[in-house]
Amino acid sequence: MACLRKPNRYAQIIETIFARKYREGLTSIPFDRAELIDTATELGIDIPKNIGDIIYSFRYRVAFPLPIQKEAPVGQTWVIVTKGRSQYAFELRTLARIRPDELLPIIKIPDATPGIVVRYALSDEQALLSIIRYNRLLDIFTGVACYSLQNHLRTTVRDVGQVETDEIYVGVDKKGAHYVFPVQAKGGSDEIGVIQIEQDMALCLEKFPALEARSIAAQFMADGVIALFEFGLDEEEGIVKLAERHYRLAPAEDLSDAELNAYRHRPES
C-alpha cells in the first residue's frame, strides 16, 4: 500500500480551523490571527516565525487541502479575505486566482531596461516592477501616460484592514482625464489572487475617490514573457478581467520590418 503523504504544517493548521467552524450552507467563515497560533500549539506544531505567511501561501502559492476544497459548491472555490486588523474569513468565490492565457500572441518591445538594474535586482517581483517602469509598459498597455507615485504602499482601508500594493501609478489620457493604477507583480511560482485585486480597488476608492481606478497585475511567464492584466469592478459579477497582453523585451535589432508591419495592422481586441 502506498504511503500517504502527511499534510505540511500550514495545511494542518488551516484545515483544522476550517473543519472546526464549517457548517453546510455557510459562505463566510470568520477567524483571526490568534486562532492560527492557538491551533499550531494545539496540534504540537512549531509556530511559524511569520504567521502571516500561512495566509499568503493559500492566497497565492498553493491550493487548499482537499477536505476544504470538497466543501465548495460546483463552480466556486474558497478564498481567504481580510476583514480587519488580524481578522480573516474563508469566503466562496467563482474565481480565486488569475492565470495567463497561453493562447495570446506575444508582442515584442524594444528593451530599455538599464543593464545595471537587471544585474542588481534582488527578486523577481522587484525586477518585474523595474522592467515595467523603465520600458513604460503600463503606458503601452493602457494607452495612458503613467507616472509612478509610490512603491510598496502599505496602508489601512476601512472594512478591509491592512492592504499592501506593490506600486501605485497615476496617469492622464489625451482628453485630460486622470486615473490611478494599483499594480501587483508576481514572479516565480506565485499567482495573482483575486482578493488582492479586490483590496486594490477598495484602496483606490477610499484613498483616491476623485480618480478612475484601473487595477493592474503583472506576471512573469516562461522565457521572460510578461503578462499584463487590467481588471474592473462589476456590480453583479465582482472583479472582471478587462484586458490581457503578453510582452517580450528584445534588442531593437530583433524587431523585423515584417513584425512591425503586422503590429500596425493587428486589430484591437
Protein backbone atom coordinates (compact mmCIF):
# COMPACT_ATOMS: atom_id res chain seq x y z
CA MET A 1 0.00 0.00 0.00
CA ALA A 2 1.35 3.43 -0.91
CA CYS A 3 2.20 5.68 2.00
CA LEU A 4 0.00 8.78 2.21
CA ARG A 5 1.97 11.98 2.46
CA LYS A 6 1.35 13.87 5.67
CA PRO A 7 -0.01 17.39 5.10
CA ASN A 8 2.51 20.14 5.79
CA ARG A 9 2.12 22.28 8.88
CA TYR A 10 0.38 25.15 7.07
CA ALA A 11 -2.19 22.73 5.64
CA GLN A 12 -2.77 21.10 9.04
CA ILE A 13 -3.37 24.47 10.71
CA ILE A 14 -5.72 25.90 8.07
CA GLU A 15 -7.65 22.63 7.65
CA THR A 16 -8.20 22.33 11.41
CA ILE A 17 -9.56 25.87 11.68
CA PHE A 18 -11.89 25.33 8.72
CA ALA A 19 -13.17 21.97 9.98
CA ARG A 20 -13.90 23.40 13.42
CA LYS A 21 -16.06 26.22 12.05
CA TYR A 22 -17.58 24.95 8.79
CA ARG A 23 -21.31 24.22 8.66
CA GLU A 24 -23.18 23.29 5.50
CA GLY A 25 -24.58 26.35 3.74
CA LEU A 26 -22.06 28.84 5.13
CA THR A 27 -20.48 31.17 2.58
CA SER A 28 -18.32 33.17 5.00
CA ILE A 29 -16.38 31.68 7.94
CA PRO A 30 -14.53 34.22 10.12
CA PHE A 31 -11.35 33.53 12.07
CA ASP A 32 -8.49 35.60 13.45
CA ARG A 33 -4.71 35.61 13.66
CA ALA A 34 -4.72 34.32 17.25
CA GLU A 35 -6.50 31.16 16.08
CA LEU A 36 -3.58 30.36 13.79
CA ILE A 37 -1.22 30.46 16.77
CA ASP A 38 -3.58 28.60 19.11
CA THR A 39 -4.21 25.86 16.53
CA ALA A 40 -0.49 25.37 15.89
CA THR A 41 0.04 24.97 19.64
CA GLU A 42 -2.92 22.57 19.91
CA LEU A 43 -1.50 20.39 17.10
CA GLY A 44 2.02 20.42 18.54
CA ILE A 45 3.34 22.31 15.51
CA ASP A 46 6.18 24.81 15.76
CA ILE A 47 4.62 28.23 15.27
CA PRO A 48 5.94 29.82 12.04
CA LYS A 49 8.09 32.89 12.65
CA ASN A 50 5.96 34.77 10.12
CA ILE A 51 2.44 33.61 10.96
CA GLY A 52 1.04 35.74 8.12
CA ASP A 53 2.85 33.52 5.61
CA ILE A 54 0.14 30.91 6.20
CA ILE A 55 -2.45 33.30 4.76
CA TYR A 56 -0.15 34.37 1.91
CA SER A 57 0.58 30.78 0.91
CA PHE A 58 -3.07 29.81 0.45
CA ARG A 59 -3.84 33.05 -1.36
CA TYR A 60 -1.05 32.95 -3.94
CA ARG A 61 1.05 29.77 -3.81
CA VAL A 62 -0.79 26.56 -3.01
CA ALA A 63 -4.28 25.08 -3.14
CA PHE A 64 -6.36 24.43 -0.04
CA PRO A 65 -6.27 20.88 1.37
CA LEU A 66 -8.79 18.56 -0.32
CA PRO A 67 -11.15 18.44 2.71
CA ILE A 68 -11.63 22.21 2.30
CA GLN A 69 -11.90 22.10 -1.50
CA LYS A 70 -14.65 19.47 -1.44
CA GLU A 71 -16.91 21.72 0.65
CA ALA A 72 -17.10 24.30 -2.15
CA PRO A 73 -20.14 24.11 -4.49
CA VAL A 74 -19.53 23.31 -8.16
CA GLY A 75 -18.10 26.35 -9.94
CA GLN A 76 -16.91 28.01 -6.73
CA THR A 77 -13.82 27.89 -4.57
CA TRP A 78 -12.81 29.03 -1.09
CA VAL A 79 -10.53 32.02 -0.63
CA ILE A 80 -9.19 33.85 2.42
CA VAL A 81 -10.20 37.50 2.69
CA THR A 82 -9.09 40.15 5.16
CA LYS A 83 -11.86 41.55 7.37
CA GLY A 84 -9.90 43.98 9.51
CA ARG A 85 -6.75 44.10 11.59
CA SER A 86 -5.75 40.44 12.19
CA GLN A 87 -9.25 39.36 11.13
CA TYR A 88 -9.88 36.97 8.23
CA ALA A 89 -12.60 34.82 6.70
CA PHE A 90 -12.94 31.86 4.37
CA GLU A 91 -15.31 33.02 1.62
CA LEU A 92 -16.69 31.46 -1.55
CA ARG A 93 -15.74 32.96 -4.92
CA THR A 94 -16.26 31.92 -8.53
CA LEU A 95 -12.67 32.99 -9.27
CA ALA A 96 -9.70 32.72 -6.91
CA ARG A 97 -6.53 33.08 -8.97
CA ILE A 98 -5.77 34.62 -12.33
CA ARG A 99 -3.51 32.75 -14.74
CA PRO A 100 -2.18 33.96 -18.11
CA ASP A 101 -3.96 32.86 -21.28
CA GLU A 102 -1.33 30.74 -23.06
CA LEU A 103 -3.02 31.27 -26.46
CA LEU A 104 -2.44 35.03 -26.64
CA PRO A 105 0.22 36.32 -29.07
CA ILE A 106 3.50 37.73 -27.75
CA ILE A 107 4.31 41.37 -28.56
CA LYS A 108 7.98 42.33 -28.82
CA ILE A 109 9.01 45.62 -27.19
CA PRO A 110 12.49 47.22 -27.54
CA ASP A 111 14.28 46.60 -24.24
CA ALA A 112 15.06 49.87 -22.43
CA THR A 113 15.97 48.34 -19.05
CA PRO A 114 19.35 49.65 -17.81
CA GLY A 115 21.82 46.79 -17.59
CA ILE A 116 22.89 47.76 -14.09
CA VAL A 117 19.27 47.41 -12.90
CA VAL A 118 19.00 43.94 -14.43
CA ARG A 119 22.26 42.91 -12.75
CA TYR A 120 21.32 44.00 -9.23
CA ALA A 121 17.56 43.36 -8.98
CA LEU A 122 17.06 41.41 -5.76
CA SER A 123 13.90 39.47 -6.60
CA ASP A 124 11.60 38.50 -9.47
CA GLU A 125 8.98 40.94 -8.20
CA GLN A 126 11.47 43.80 -7.97
CA ALA A 127 12.83 43.01 -11.43
CA LEU A 128 9.32 42.90 -12.89
CA LEU A 129 8.36 46.27 -11.42
CA SER A 130 11.61 47.80 -12.73
CA ILE A 131 11.02 46.38 -16.22
CA ILE A 132 7.51 47.82 -16.27
CA ARG A 133 8.79 51.22 -15.16
CA TYR A 134 11.82 51.58 -17.46
CA ASN A 135 10.04 50.23 -20.53
CA ARG A 136 6.85 52.24 -19.95
CA LEU A 137 4.86 49.04 -20.32
CA LEU A 138 1.95 50.46 -18.35
CA ASP A 139 1.68 53.39 -20.79
CA ILE A 140 1.80 50.98 -23.74
CA PHE A 141 -0.73 48.58 -22.23
CA THR A 142 -3.28 51.18 -21.08
CA GLY A 143 -2.78 53.91 -23.70
CA VAL A 144 -2.40 56.43 -20.85
CA ALA A 145 0.66 58.47 -19.81
CA CYS A 146 1.51 56.88 -16.44
CA TYR A 147 3.76 58.03 -13.59
CA SER A 148 4.94 56.04 -10.58
CA LEU A 149 3.57 57.63 -7.42
CA GLN A 150 4.70 55.23 -4.68
CA ASN A 151 6.33 51.83 -4.31
CA HIS A 152 5.17 49.16 -1.87
CA LEU A 153 2.31 51.14 -0.40
CA ARG A 154 1.10 49.74 2.91
CA THR A 155 -2.00 51.34 4.38
CA THR A 156 -5.26 50.58 6.17
CA VAL A 157 -8.60 50.52 4.37
CA ARG A 158 -11.94 50.71 6.14
CA ASP A 159 -13.71 47.31 6.48
CA VAL A 160 -10.68 45.58 4.96
CA GLY A 161 -7.74 46.24 7.27
CA GLN A 162 -4.13 46.41 6.12
CA VAL A 163 -3.60 46.47 2.36
CA GLU A 164 -0.26 46.21 0.55
CA THR A 165 0.13 47.25 -3.08
CA ASP A 166 3.39 46.75 -4.97
CA GLU A 167 3.23 50.08 -6.79
CA ILE A 168 0.78 52.92 -7.39
CA TYR A 169 0.77 54.86 -10.66
CA VAL A 170 -1.28 57.89 -11.63
CA GLY A 171 -1.99 58.80 -15.23
CA VAL A 172 -3.59 61.22 -17.65
CA ASP A 173 -5.12 60.44 -21.05
CA LYS A 174 -5.43 62.51 -24.24
CA LYS A 175 -8.72 64.01 -23.01
CA GLY A 176 -7.16 65.14 -19.72
CA ALA A 177 -8.91 62.53 -17.54
CA HIS A 178 -6.93 61.31 -14.51
CA TYR A 179 -6.52 57.70 -13.38
CA VAL A 180 -4.99 55.69 -10.55
CA PHE A 181 -3.37 52.32 -11.29
CA PRO A 182 -2.58 49.96 -8.42
CA VAL A 183 -0.08 47.37 -9.70
CA GLN A 184 0.51 43.89 -8.31
CA ALA A 185 3.56 41.97 -9.56
CA LYS A 186 4.10 38.22 -9.27
CA GLY A 187 7.18 36.21 -10.16
CA GLY A 188 8.32 32.66 -9.62
CA SER A 189 5.56 30.26 -8.61
CA ASP A 190 3.31 32.90 -7.01
CA GLU A 191 -0.01 33.55 -8.74
CA ILE A 192 -2.24 36.61 -8.93
CA GLY A 193 -5.08 36.39 -6.42
CA VAL A 194 -8.49 37.94 -6.99
CA ILE A 195 -8.60 39.01 -3.32
CA GLN A 196 -5.56 41.21 -3.87
CA ILE A 197 -7.31 42.86 -6.81
CA GLU A 198 -10.42 43.43 -4.70
CA GLN A 199 -8.31 45.05 -1.98
CA ASP A 200 -6.53 47.28 -4.50
CA MET A 201 -9.88 48.51 -5.82
CA ALA A 202 -11.08 49.20 -2.25
CA LEU A 203 -7.86 51.12 -1.54
CA CYS A 204 -8.35 53.32 -4.62
CA LEU A 205 -12.00 54.03 -3.84
CA GLU A 206 -11.05 55.21 -0.34
CA LYS A 207 -7.70 56.97 -0.93
CA PHE A 208 -8.24 58.32 -4.48
CA PRO A 209 -12.01 58.85 -4.79
CA ALA A 210 -11.68 61.54 -7.48
CA LEU A 211 -9.70 59.28 -9.84
CA GLU A 212 -10.89 56.42 -12.03
CA ALA A 213 -9.32 53.22 -10.68
CA ARG A 214 -7.88 50.69 -13.13
CA SER A 215 -6.36 47.71 -11.35
CA ILE A 216 -3.27 46.16 -13.00
CA ALA A 217 -1.47 42.88 -12.39
CA ALA A 218 1.80 41.65 -13.89
CA GLN A 219 3.08 38.09 -14.05
CA PHE A 220 6.36 36.63 -15.30
CA MET A 221 5.75 33.75 -17.70
CA ALA A 222 8.22 31.30 -19.27
CA ASP A 223 11.17 32.66 -21.28
CA GLY A 224 10.89 36.12 -19.76
CA VAL A 225 7.47 36.90 -21.23
CA ILE A 226 5.47 39.40 -19.18
CA ALA A 227 1.69 39.10 -18.90
CA LEU A 228 -0.18 42.31 -18.04
CA PHE A 229 -3.82 42.29 -16.94
CA GLU A 230 -6.38 45.03 -16.34
CA PHE A 231 -9.35 44.42 -14.04
CA GLY A 232 -12.56 46.28 -13.33
CA LEU A 233 -15.34 46.03 -10.79
CA ASP A 234 -18.77 44.87 -11.99
CA GLU A 235 -21.75 45.37 -9.69
CA GLU A 236 -23.11 41.88 -10.38
CA GLU A 237 -20.03 39.80 -11.21
CA GLY A 238 -17.46 41.45 -8.93
CA ILE A 239 -13.90 41.53 -10.30
CA VAL A 240 -13.76 41.04 -14.08
CA LYS A 241 -10.78 40.89 -16.45
CA LEU A 242 -10.95 43.72 -18.97
CA ALA A 243 -7.73 43.17 -20.91
CA GLU A 244 -4.65 40.95 -21.13
CA ARG A 245 -1.46 41.35 -23.21
CA HIS A 246 1.82 39.44 -23.32
CA TYR A 247 5.12 41.27 -23.94
CA ARG A 248 8.70 40.16 -24.54
CA LEU A 249 11.57 42.62 -24.27
CA ALA A 250 14.01 42.32 -27.16
CA PRO A 251 17.01 44.19 -28.58
CA ALA A 252 15.81 46.77 -31.08
CA GLU A 253 17.56 44.97 -33.95
CA ASP A 254 15.49 41.83 -33.27
CA LEU A 255 12.27 43.54 -34.37
CA SER A 256 11.88 42.93 -38.09
CA ASP A 257 10.06 45.19 -40.51
CA ALA A 258 7.56 42.36 -41.09
CA GLU A 259 6.78 42.18 -37.34
CA LEU A 260 6.34 45.94 -37.07
CA ASN A 261 4.03 45.95 -40.08
CA ALA A 262 1.99 43.11 -38.54
CA TYR A 263 1.63 45.07 -35.28
CA ARG A 264 0.34 48.13 -37.21
CA HIS A 265 -2.39 46.08 -38.85
CA ARG A 266 -3.34 43.86 -35.90
CA PRO A 267 -6.94 44.62 -34.87
CA GLU A 268 -7.71 45.90 -31.38
CA SER A 269 -9.25 43.34 -29.03
